[in-house]
Amino acid sequence: MTERANITVIDFGGEKSSYGYNAIDILPDGTNYPAMLTGLTDFANDWSAIQRIDNFNSRGLTFVEKGSNLPSSDPESEREAKWLVTYQDITQYFDPPTNLIENTGFGKTFTLEIPCADLSIRLANDDTIFTQIGGGITPAVTTAVATTELHARSPYGGLIEVVNVRSVGRNT
């Protein structure tokens, strides 16, 4: 079981939307908690570069840090405009080099959604802003993907690789 990292933002109309990722487990003694919070902050900051938000409403792992209750000042900020991040579990075994504990999630594909996407960065007639082969269309996209691969885990707990990022419109 992996820890869940969550972030909540408020769009221009005052509607909230939450997103997050699977993180590594907090150690029983809590020694990795500060590093996990740093990872969550990096994740939120790097994705905010390609979102239409000013700040976060809340974020946290086990404990929630309260942020601003003010909506985004960007009139184009809509929670329905999202980045759909498709990723794959790339950890075959949890105990290399012995390879006795197989990851049943290895090779499986998963998604996460990032609300309030800044759709203005898309290229004409193309909803995809990142592919494994082509990389990101801007340095901010590449940074957000790299941060996701560094801090996020699959629901099975394995390391991940982002396959693509594209825009979608959803009311969730």
N, C-alpha and C. Protein backbone atom coordinates (compact mmCIF):
# COMPACT_ATOMS: atom_id res chain seq x y z
N MET A 1 0.85 -1.18 0.00
CA MET A 1 0.00 0.00 0.00
C MET A 1 0.89 1.24 0.00
N THR A 2 0.55 2.19 -0.83
CA THR A 2 1.35 3.40 -0.90
C THR A 2 0.59 4.56 -0.26
N GLU A 3 1.34 5.54 0.18
CA GLU A 3 0.79 6.76 0.76
C GLU A 3 0.19 7.60 -0.38
N ARG A 4 -0.82 8.38 -0.10
CA ARG A 4 -1.45 9.23 -1.11
C ARG A 4 -1.10 10.68 -0.83
N ALA A 5 -0.57 11.37 -1.83
CA ALA A 5 -0.27 12.79 -1.74
C ALA A 5 -1.39 13.54 -2.46
N ASN A 6 -1.96 14.55 -1.83
CA ASN A 6 -3.11 15.26 -2.40
C ASN A 6 -2.89 16.76 -2.43
N ILE A 7 -3.46 17.38 -3.47
CA ILE A 7 -3.41 18.83 -3.64
C ILE A 7 -4.81 19.28 -4.05
N THR A 8 -5.29 20.38 -3.49
CA THR A 8 -6.58 20.95 -3.88
C THR A 8 -6.35 22.38 -4.35
N VAL A 9 -6.98 22.72 -5.49
CA VAL A 9 -6.87 24.08 -6.04
C VAL A 9 -8.28 24.64 -6.23
N ILE A 10 -8.36 25.96 -6.39
CA ILE A 10 -9.64 26.63 -6.63
C ILE A 10 -9.54 27.40 -7.94
N ASP A 11 -10.51 27.16 -8.84
CA ASP A 11 -10.47 27.85 -10.13
C ASP A 11 -11.06 29.26 -10.01
N PHE A 12 -11.13 29.97 -11.13
CA PHE A 12 -11.61 31.35 -11.15
C PHE A 12 -13.05 31.47 -10.64
N GLY A 13 -13.87 30.46 -10.93
CA GLY A 13 -15.27 30.48 -10.50
C GLY A 13 -15.48 30.04 -9.06
N GLY A 14 -14.39 29.74 -8.35
CA GLY A 14 -14.48 29.33 -6.96
C GLY A 14 -14.70 27.85 -6.75
N GLU A 15 -14.67 27.06 -7.83
CA GLU A 15 -14.87 25.62 -7.70
C GLU A 15 -13.55 24.94 -7.34
N LYS A 16 -13.62 23.98 -6.42
CA LYS A 16 -12.42 23.25 -5.99
C LYS A 16 -12.24 21.98 -6.81
N SER A 17 -11.00 21.61 -6.98
CA SER A 17 -10.67 20.34 -7.62
C SER A 17 -9.42 19.79 -6.95
N SER A 18 -9.44 18.49 -6.71
CA SER A 18 -8.30 17.83 -6.05
C SER A 18 -7.62 16.86 -6.99
N TYR A 19 -6.34 16.71 -6.81
CA TYR A 19 -5.57 15.73 -7.56
C TYR A 19 -4.42 15.28 -6.69
N GLY A 20 -3.74 14.26 -7.13
CA GLY A 20 -2.64 13.76 -6.33
C GLY A 20 -1.96 12.58 -6.98
N TYR A 21 -1.10 11.96 -6.22
CA TYR A 21 -0.34 10.82 -6.72
C TYR A 21 -0.06 9.85 -5.59
N ASN A 22 0.28 8.63 -5.96
CA ASN A 22 0.70 7.63 -4.99
C ASN A 22 2.16 7.90 -4.65
N ALA A 23 2.46 7.96 -3.37
CA ALA A 23 3.82 8.24 -2.91
C ALA A 23 4.36 7.01 -2.16
N ILE A 24 5.62 7.05 -1.83
CA ILE A 24 6.19 5.97 -1.03
C ILE A 24 5.60 6.02 0.37
N ASP A 25 5.65 4.92 1.09
CA ASP A 25 5.12 4.88 2.45
C ASP A 25 5.97 5.73 3.40
N ILE A 26 5.31 6.34 4.36
CA ILE A 26 6.02 7.04 5.42
C ILE A 26 6.62 5.98 6.34
N LEU A 27 7.90 6.10 6.62
CA LEU A 27 8.57 5.14 7.50
C LEU A 27 7.99 5.21 8.91
N PRO A 28 8.00 4.11 9.64
CA PRO A 28 7.43 4.11 11.00
C PRO A 28 8.01 5.20 11.90
N ASP A 29 9.30 5.52 11.72
CA ASP A 29 9.91 6.56 12.56
C ASP A 29 9.73 7.96 11.97
N GLY A 30 9.12 8.06 10.79
CA GLY A 30 8.84 9.35 10.17
C GLY A 30 10.03 10.08 9.59
N THR A 31 11.19 9.44 9.52
CA THR A 31 12.39 10.14 9.07
C THR A 31 12.31 10.58 7.61
N ASN A 32 11.50 9.93 6.79
CA ASN A 32 11.41 10.33 5.38
C ASN A 32 10.28 11.33 5.13
N TYR A 33 9.52 11.69 6.16
CA TYR A 33 8.39 12.60 5.98
C TYR A 33 8.80 13.97 5.45
N PRO A 34 9.85 14.61 5.97
CA PRO A 34 10.25 15.91 5.41
C PRO A 34 10.60 15.82 3.92
N ALA A 35 11.28 14.76 3.52
CA ALA A 35 11.63 14.60 2.10
C ALA A 35 10.37 14.39 1.26
N MET A 36 9.40 13.69 1.81
CA MET A 36 8.14 13.48 1.09
C MET A 36 7.37 14.78 0.93
N LEU A 37 7.39 15.63 1.96
CA LEU A 37 6.74 16.94 1.85
C LEU A 37 7.43 17.82 0.82
N THR A 38 8.76 17.74 0.78
CA THR A 38 9.51 18.47 -0.24
C THR A 38 9.11 17.98 -1.62
N GLY A 39 8.98 16.67 -1.78
CA GLY A 39 8.55 16.10 -3.05
C GLY A 39 7.16 16.57 -3.45
N LEU A 40 6.25 16.63 -2.49
CA LEU A 40 4.89 17.11 -2.75
C LEU A 40 4.91 18.57 -3.17
N THR A 41 5.72 19.38 -2.49
CA THR A 41 5.85 20.79 -2.85
C THR A 41 6.42 20.94 -4.25
N ASP A 42 7.47 20.17 -4.57
CA ASP A 42 8.05 20.21 -5.91
C ASP A 42 7.02 19.82 -6.96
N PHE A 43 6.27 18.75 -6.70
CA PHE A 43 5.24 18.28 -7.62
C PHE A 43 4.21 19.39 -7.87
N ALA A 44 3.69 19.98 -6.79
CA ALA A 44 2.68 21.04 -6.92
C ALA A 44 3.23 22.25 -7.65
N ASN A 45 4.44 22.67 -7.32
CA ASN A 45 5.04 23.84 -7.96
C ASN A 45 5.35 23.60 -9.43
N ASP A 46 5.89 22.43 -9.76
CA ASP A 46 6.26 22.16 -11.15
C ASP A 46 5.04 22.03 -12.04
N TRP A 47 3.96 21.42 -11.56
CA TRP A 47 2.74 21.35 -12.36
C TRP A 47 2.06 22.71 -12.45
N SER A 48 2.18 23.55 -11.40
CA SER A 48 1.51 24.85 -11.43
C SER A 48 2.05 25.74 -12.56
N ALA A 49 3.25 25.43 -13.05
CA ALA A 49 3.81 26.20 -14.17
C ALA A 49 3.01 26.00 -15.45
N ILE A 50 2.23 24.91 -15.53
CA ILE A 50 1.40 24.68 -16.71
C ILE A 50 -0.08 24.52 -16.31
N GLN A 51 -0.43 25.15 -15.21
CA GLN A 51 -1.82 25.25 -14.76
C GLN A 51 -2.19 26.72 -14.69
N ARG A 52 -3.47 27.01 -14.67
CA ARG A 52 -3.95 28.38 -14.52
C ARG A 52 -4.42 28.58 -13.08
N ILE A 53 -3.47 28.56 -12.15
CA ILE A 53 -3.77 28.77 -10.74
C ILE A 53 -2.73 29.70 -10.13
N ASP A 54 -3.13 30.38 -9.06
CA ASP A 54 -2.21 31.27 -8.36
C ASP A 54 -1.56 30.58 -7.16
N ASN A 55 -2.31 29.69 -6.52
CA ASN A 55 -1.85 29.05 -5.30
C ASN A 55 -2.66 27.78 -5.08
N PHE A 56 -2.39 27.10 -3.99
CA PHE A 56 -3.14 25.89 -3.66
C PHE A 56 -4.05 26.17 -2.47
N ASN A 57 -5.13 25.41 -2.37
CA ASN A 57 -6.05 25.54 -1.25
C ASN A 57 -5.59 24.66 -0.09
N SER A 58 -5.12 23.46 -0.40
CA SER A 58 -4.56 22.57 0.62
C SER A 58 -3.69 21.53 -0.08
N ARG A 59 -2.76 20.96 0.68
CA ARG A 59 -1.95 19.86 0.17
C ARG A 59 -1.44 19.08 1.37
N GLY A 60 -1.20 17.82 1.16
CA GLY A 60 -0.69 17.06 2.28
C GLY A 60 -0.58 15.57 2.03
N LEU A 61 0.05 14.93 2.96
CA LEU A 61 0.18 13.48 2.99
C LEU A 61 -0.70 13.00 4.13
N THR A 62 -0.11 12.72 5.26
CA THR A 62 -0.91 12.34 6.43
C THR A 62 -1.54 13.57 7.06
N PHE A 63 -0.79 14.66 7.11
CA PHE A 63 -1.27 15.91 7.66
C PHE A 63 -1.50 16.89 6.52
N VAL A 64 -2.56 17.66 6.60
CA VAL A 64 -2.92 18.58 5.53
C VAL A 64 -2.46 19.98 5.89
N GLU A 65 -1.76 20.61 4.94
CA GLU A 65 -1.32 22.00 5.09
C GLU A 65 -2.36 22.88 4.41
N LYS A 66 -2.93 23.80 5.15
CA LYS A 66 -3.93 24.70 4.59
C LYS A 66 -3.25 25.82 3.82
N GLY A 67 -3.83 26.17 2.70
CA GLY A 67 -3.33 27.25 1.88
C GLY A 67 -4.38 28.35 1.80
N SER A 68 -4.54 28.92 0.63
CA SER A 68 -5.45 30.04 0.43
C SER A 68 -6.86 29.57 0.08
N ASN A 69 -7.86 30.31 0.53
CA ASN A 69 -9.25 30.06 0.13
C ASN A 69 -9.66 30.96 -1.02
N LEU A 70 -8.73 31.76 -1.52
CA LEU A 70 -9.03 32.65 -2.63
C LEU A 70 -9.02 31.88 -3.94
N PRO A 71 -9.99 32.17 -4.81
CA PRO A 71 -9.96 31.52 -6.13
C PRO A 71 -8.83 32.09 -6.98
N SER A 72 -8.52 31.37 -8.03
CA SER A 72 -7.49 31.83 -8.96
C SER A 72 -7.91 33.18 -9.55
N SER A 73 -6.94 34.04 -9.81
CA SER A 73 -7.24 35.34 -10.42
C SER A 73 -7.28 35.24 -11.94
N ASP A 74 -6.92 34.09 -12.50
CA ASP A 74 -6.89 33.90 -13.95
C ASP A 74 -8.30 33.52 -14.43
N PRO A 75 -8.94 34.38 -15.24
CA PRO A 75 -10.30 34.08 -15.70
C PRO A 75 -10.39 32.84 -16.59
N GLU A 76 -9.27 32.36 -17.08
CA GLU A 76 -9.25 31.13 -17.90
C GLU A 76 -9.07 29.88 -17.04
N SER A 77 -8.95 30.03 -15.73
CA SER A 77 -8.75 28.90 -14.84
C SER A 77 -10.06 28.15 -14.63
N GLU A 78 -10.12 26.91 -15.15
CA GLU A 78 -11.31 26.08 -15.02
C GLU A 78 -10.91 24.69 -14.56
N ARG A 79 -11.58 24.18 -13.53
CA ARG A 79 -11.23 22.86 -13.02
C ARG A 79 -11.51 21.76 -14.03
N GLU A 80 -12.40 22.02 -14.99
CA GLU A 80 -12.74 21.01 -15.98
C GLU A 80 -11.64 20.81 -17.02
N ALA A 81 -10.78 21.80 -17.22
CA ALA A 81 -9.65 21.67 -18.16
C ALA A 81 -8.53 20.95 -17.43
N LYS A 82 -8.18 19.76 -17.91
CA LYS A 82 -7.22 18.94 -17.17
C LYS A 82 -6.12 18.39 -18.06
N TRP A 83 -4.98 18.13 -17.42
CA TRP A 83 -3.92 17.35 -18.05
C TRP A 83 -4.13 15.90 -17.63
N LEU A 84 -4.26 15.02 -18.61
CA LEU A 84 -4.38 13.58 -18.34
C LEU A 84 -2.99 12.99 -18.48
N VAL A 85 -2.42 12.54 -17.37
CA VAL A 85 -1.07 11.98 -17.33
C VAL A 85 -1.20 10.46 -17.35
N THR A 86 -0.70 9.84 -18.41
CA THR A 86 -0.72 8.38 -18.52
C THR A 86 0.67 7.87 -18.17
N TYR A 87 0.74 6.90 -17.26
CA TYR A 87 2.04 6.39 -16.83
C TYR A 87 1.99 4.88 -16.68
N GLN A 88 3.18 4.30 -16.64
CA GLN A 88 3.31 2.84 -16.57
C GLN A 88 4.20 2.46 -15.39
N ASP A 89 3.85 1.37 -14.70
CA ASP A 89 4.67 0.82 -13.62
C ASP A 89 5.86 0.12 -14.25
N ILE A 90 7.08 0.51 -13.88
CA ILE A 90 8.29 -0.04 -14.49
C ILE A 90 9.13 -0.88 -13.52
N THR A 91 8.57 -1.21 -12.36
CA THR A 91 9.30 -2.01 -11.37
C THR A 91 8.86 -3.47 -11.49
N GLN A 92 9.74 -4.33 -11.99
CA GLN A 92 9.38 -5.74 -12.16
C GLN A 92 9.45 -6.50 -10.83
N TYR A 93 10.50 -6.22 -10.05
CA TYR A 93 10.69 -6.90 -8.77
C TYR A 93 10.96 -5.86 -7.69
N PHE A 94 10.46 -6.12 -6.49
CA PHE A 94 10.67 -5.21 -5.37
C PHE A 94 11.94 -5.51 -4.58
N ASP A 95 12.64 -6.59 -4.92
CA ASP A 95 13.81 -6.99 -4.15
C ASP A 95 15.02 -7.35 -5.02
N PRO A 96 15.39 -6.47 -5.99
CA PRO A 96 16.56 -6.81 -6.81
C PRO A 96 17.81 -6.86 -5.94
N PRO A 97 18.79 -7.66 -6.22
CA PRO A 97 18.88 -8.55 -7.38
C PRO A 97 18.32 -9.95 -7.12
N THR A 98 17.77 -10.20 -5.93
CA THR A 98 17.24 -11.53 -5.62
C THR A 98 16.05 -11.88 -6.52
N ASN A 99 15.18 -10.90 -6.78
CA ASN A 99 14.03 -11.05 -7.67
C ASN A 99 13.06 -12.15 -7.24
N LEU A 100 12.75 -12.16 -5.95
CA LEU A 100 11.78 -13.13 -5.43
C LEU A 100 10.40 -12.49 -5.21
N ILE A 101 10.38 -11.16 -5.02
CA ILE A 101 9.11 -10.48 -4.77
C ILE A 101 8.69 -9.76 -6.06
N GLU A 102 7.81 -10.42 -6.79
CA GLU A 102 7.35 -9.89 -8.07
C GLU A 102 6.31 -8.80 -7.86
N ASN A 103 6.38 -7.76 -8.67
CA ASN A 103 5.40 -6.68 -8.64
C ASN A 103 4.30 -7.03 -9.64
N THR A 104 3.11 -7.32 -9.13
CA THR A 104 2.01 -7.69 -10.03
C THR A 104 1.50 -6.50 -10.84
N GLY A 105 1.94 -5.30 -10.49
CA GLY A 105 1.56 -4.12 -11.26
C GLY A 105 2.52 -3.80 -12.39
N PHE A 106 3.63 -4.55 -12.48
CA PHE A 106 4.65 -4.27 -13.50
C PHE A 106 4.03 -4.26 -14.90
N GLY A 107 4.31 -3.19 -15.64
CA GLY A 107 3.85 -3.07 -17.01
C GLY A 107 2.43 -2.53 -17.16
N LYS A 108 1.70 -2.40 -16.06
CA LYS A 108 0.33 -1.90 -16.14
C LYS A 108 0.34 -0.39 -16.32
N THR A 109 -0.69 0.11 -16.98
CA THR A 109 -0.82 1.53 -17.28
C THR A 109 -1.90 2.15 -16.39
N PHE A 110 -1.62 3.36 -15.92
CA PHE A 110 -2.53 4.08 -15.03
C PHE A 110 -2.59 5.54 -15.48
N THR A 111 -3.53 6.30 -14.92
CA THR A 111 -3.64 7.73 -15.24
C THR A 111 -3.86 8.54 -13.98
N LEU A 112 -3.52 9.81 -14.07
CA LEU A 112 -3.90 10.79 -13.07
C LEU A 112 -4.24 12.07 -13.81
N GLU A 113 -5.08 12.89 -13.20
CA GLU A 113 -5.53 14.13 -13.83
C GLU A 113 -5.09 15.32 -13.00
N ILE A 114 -4.60 16.35 -13.70
CA ILE A 114 -4.17 17.60 -13.07
C ILE A 114 -5.14 18.69 -13.53
N PRO A 115 -5.94 19.29 -12.61
CA PRO A 115 -6.95 20.28 -13.01
C PRO A 115 -6.36 21.65 -13.33
N CYS A 116 -7.22 22.50 -13.89
CA CYS A 116 -6.89 23.90 -14.21
C CYS A 116 -5.72 23.99 -15.19
N ALA A 117 -5.72 23.11 -16.19
CA ALA A 117 -4.64 23.08 -17.18
C ALA A 117 -4.56 24.39 -17.95
N ASP A 118 -3.35 24.83 -18.21
CA ASP A 118 -3.12 26.00 -19.05
C ASP A 118 -3.09 25.51 -20.50
N LEU A 119 -4.24 25.51 -21.14
CA LEU A 119 -4.36 24.96 -22.49
C LEU A 119 -3.68 25.82 -23.55
N SER A 120 -3.29 27.03 -23.19
CA SER A 120 -2.65 27.91 -24.18
C SER A 120 -1.28 27.41 -24.61
N ILE A 121 -0.69 26.47 -23.87
CA ILE A 121 0.64 25.99 -24.25
C ILE A 121 0.58 24.90 -25.32
N ARG A 122 -0.62 24.39 -25.63
CA ARG A 122 -0.74 23.34 -26.65
C ARG A 122 -0.37 23.88 -28.02
N LEU A 123 0.13 22.98 -28.85
CA LEU A 123 0.37 23.32 -30.25
C LEU A 123 -0.96 23.27 -31.00
N ALA A 124 -1.05 23.95 -32.14
CA ALA A 124 -2.28 23.97 -32.91
C ALA A 124 -2.71 22.56 -33.29
N ASN A 125 -3.99 22.28 -33.11
CA ASN A 125 -4.60 20.99 -33.49
C ASN A 125 -3.96 19.79 -32.81
N ASP A 126 -3.44 19.97 -31.59
CA ASP A 126 -2.80 18.86 -30.89
C ASP A 126 -3.04 19.00 -29.39
N ASP A 127 -3.63 17.98 -28.79
CA ASP A 127 -3.91 17.99 -27.36
C ASP A 127 -2.76 17.41 -26.54
N THR A 128 -1.78 16.79 -27.19
CA THR A 128 -0.68 16.12 -26.48
C THR A 128 0.46 17.09 -26.25
N ILE A 129 0.93 17.17 -24.98
CA ILE A 129 2.04 18.07 -24.67
C ILE A 129 3.30 17.32 -24.26
N PHE A 130 3.20 15.97 -24.13
CA PHE A 130 4.37 15.16 -23.80
C PHE A 130 4.18 13.76 -24.34
N THR A 131 5.26 13.21 -24.95
CA THR A 131 5.31 11.80 -25.32
C THR A 131 6.67 11.26 -24.93
N GLN A 132 6.76 9.94 -24.74
CA GLN A 132 8.04 9.32 -24.38
C GLN A 132 9.09 9.60 -25.43
N ILE A 133 8.71 9.55 -26.69
CA ILE A 133 9.68 9.72 -27.78
C ILE A 133 10.00 11.19 -28.01
N GLY A 134 8.98 12.04 -28.03
CA GLY A 134 9.19 13.44 -28.35
C GLY A 134 9.53 14.34 -27.18
N GLY A 135 9.26 13.89 -25.95
CA GLY A 135 9.50 14.73 -24.78
C GLY A 135 8.42 15.77 -24.62
N GLY A 136 8.70 16.79 -23.83
CA GLY A 136 7.74 17.86 -23.56
C GLY A 136 7.85 18.97 -24.57
N ILE A 137 6.73 19.68 -24.81
CA ILE A 137 6.76 20.76 -25.79
C ILE A 137 7.33 22.04 -25.20
N THR A 138 7.46 22.12 -23.88
CA THR A 138 8.11 23.26 -23.22
C THR A 138 8.97 22.72 -22.09
N PRO A 139 9.95 23.50 -21.65
CA PRO A 139 10.75 23.07 -20.49
C PRO A 139 9.89 22.83 -19.24
N ALA A 140 8.83 23.62 -19.06
CA ALA A 140 7.96 23.44 -17.89
C ALA A 140 7.27 22.08 -17.92
N VAL A 141 6.86 21.63 -19.09
CA VAL A 141 6.23 20.32 -19.23
C VAL A 141 7.24 19.23 -18.89
N THR A 142 8.43 19.34 -19.43
CA THR A 142 9.48 18.35 -19.17
C THR A 142 9.80 18.28 -17.68
N THR A 143 9.87 19.43 -17.02
CA THR A 143 10.15 19.47 -15.58
C THR A 143 9.02 18.82 -14.78
N ALA A 144 7.77 19.12 -15.12
CA ALA A 144 6.63 18.53 -14.41
C ALA A 144 6.62 17.01 -14.56
N VAL A 145 6.93 16.52 -15.75
CA VAL A 145 6.98 15.07 -15.98
C VAL A 145 8.12 14.44 -15.17
N ALA A 146 9.29 15.07 -15.18
CA ALA A 146 10.44 14.53 -14.44
C ALA A 146 10.14 14.48 -12.94
N THR A 147 9.49 15.50 -12.41
CA THR A 147 9.12 15.53 -10.99
C THR A 147 8.11 14.43 -10.68
N THR A 148 7.17 14.21 -11.58
CA THR A 148 6.18 13.14 -11.39
C THR A 148 6.87 11.78 -11.34
N GLU A 149 7.79 11.54 -12.26
CA GLU A 149 8.50 10.25 -12.29
C GLU A 149 9.37 10.06 -11.05
N LEU A 150 9.88 11.15 -10.50
CA LEU A 150 10.72 11.07 -9.31
C LEU A 150 9.92 10.75 -8.05
N HIS A 151 8.76 11.37 -7.89
CA HIS A 151 8.02 11.28 -6.63
C HIS A 151 6.82 10.34 -6.64
N ALA A 152 6.19 10.14 -7.78
CA ALA A 152 4.98 9.32 -7.83
C ALA A 152 5.30 7.84 -7.97
N ARG A 153 4.39 7.02 -7.51
CA ARG A 153 4.49 5.56 -7.62
C ARG A 153 3.18 5.04 -8.20
N SER A 154 3.21 3.84 -8.73
CA SER A 154 1.98 3.22 -9.21
C SER A 154 1.14 2.81 -8.00
N PRO A 155 -0.12 2.47 -8.19
CA PRO A 155 -0.92 1.98 -7.06
C PRO A 155 -0.33 0.72 -6.42
N TYR A 156 0.55 0.02 -7.13
CA TYR A 156 1.20 -1.17 -6.60
C TYR A 156 2.48 -0.83 -5.84
N GLY A 157 2.93 0.42 -5.93
CA GLY A 157 4.13 0.85 -5.23
C GLY A 157 5.38 0.89 -6.07
N GLY A 158 5.28 0.57 -7.36
CA GLY A 158 6.45 0.56 -8.23
C GLY A 158 6.79 1.93 -8.79
N LEU A 159 8.05 2.06 -9.24
CA LEU A 159 8.47 3.28 -9.92
C LEU A 159 7.66 3.42 -11.20
N ILE A 160 7.51 4.66 -11.67
CA ILE A 160 6.71 4.89 -12.87
C ILE A 160 7.50 5.59 -13.96
N GLU A 161 6.96 5.48 -15.17
CA GLU A 161 7.46 6.24 -16.31
C GLU A 161 6.25 6.85 -17.00
N VAL A 162 6.29 8.16 -17.22
CA VAL A 162 5.18 8.84 -17.89
C VAL A 162 5.22 8.50 -19.37
N VAL A 163 4.09 8.06 -19.90
CA VAL A 163 3.97 7.68 -21.30
C VAL A 163 3.57 8.88 -22.14
N ASN A 164 2.55 9.62 -21.69
CA ASN A 164 2.16 10.85 -22.39
C ASN A 164 1.32 11.73 -21.48
N VAL A 165 1.19 12.99 -21.89
CA VAL A 165 0.35 13.97 -21.20
C VAL A 165 -0.45 14.67 -22.28
N ARG A 166 -1.77 14.71 -22.10
CA ARG A 166 -2.62 15.40 -23.07
C ARG A 166 -3.76 16.09 -22.34
N SER A 167 -4.37 17.05 -23.01
CA SER A 167 -5.46 17.79 -22.39
C SER A 167 -6.78 17.06 -22.58
N VAL A 168 -7.63 17.15 -21.56
CA VAL A 168 -8.98 16.61 -21.61
C VAL A 168 -9.91 17.58 -20.90
N GLY A 169 -11.17 17.50 -21.18
CA GLY A 169 -12.17 18.31 -20.48
C GLY A 169 -13.09 17.39 -19.72
N ARG A 170 -13.07 17.48 -18.39
CA ARG A 170 -13.89 16.59 -17.56
C ARG A 170 -14.42 17.36 -16.37
N ASN A 171 -15.61 16.99 -15.95
CA ASN A 171 -16.21 17.61 -14.77
C ASN A 171 -16.16 16.64 -13.61
N THR A 172 -14.94 16.38 -13.10
CA THR A 172 -14.78 15.48 -11.95
C THR A 172 -13.92 16.14 -10.91
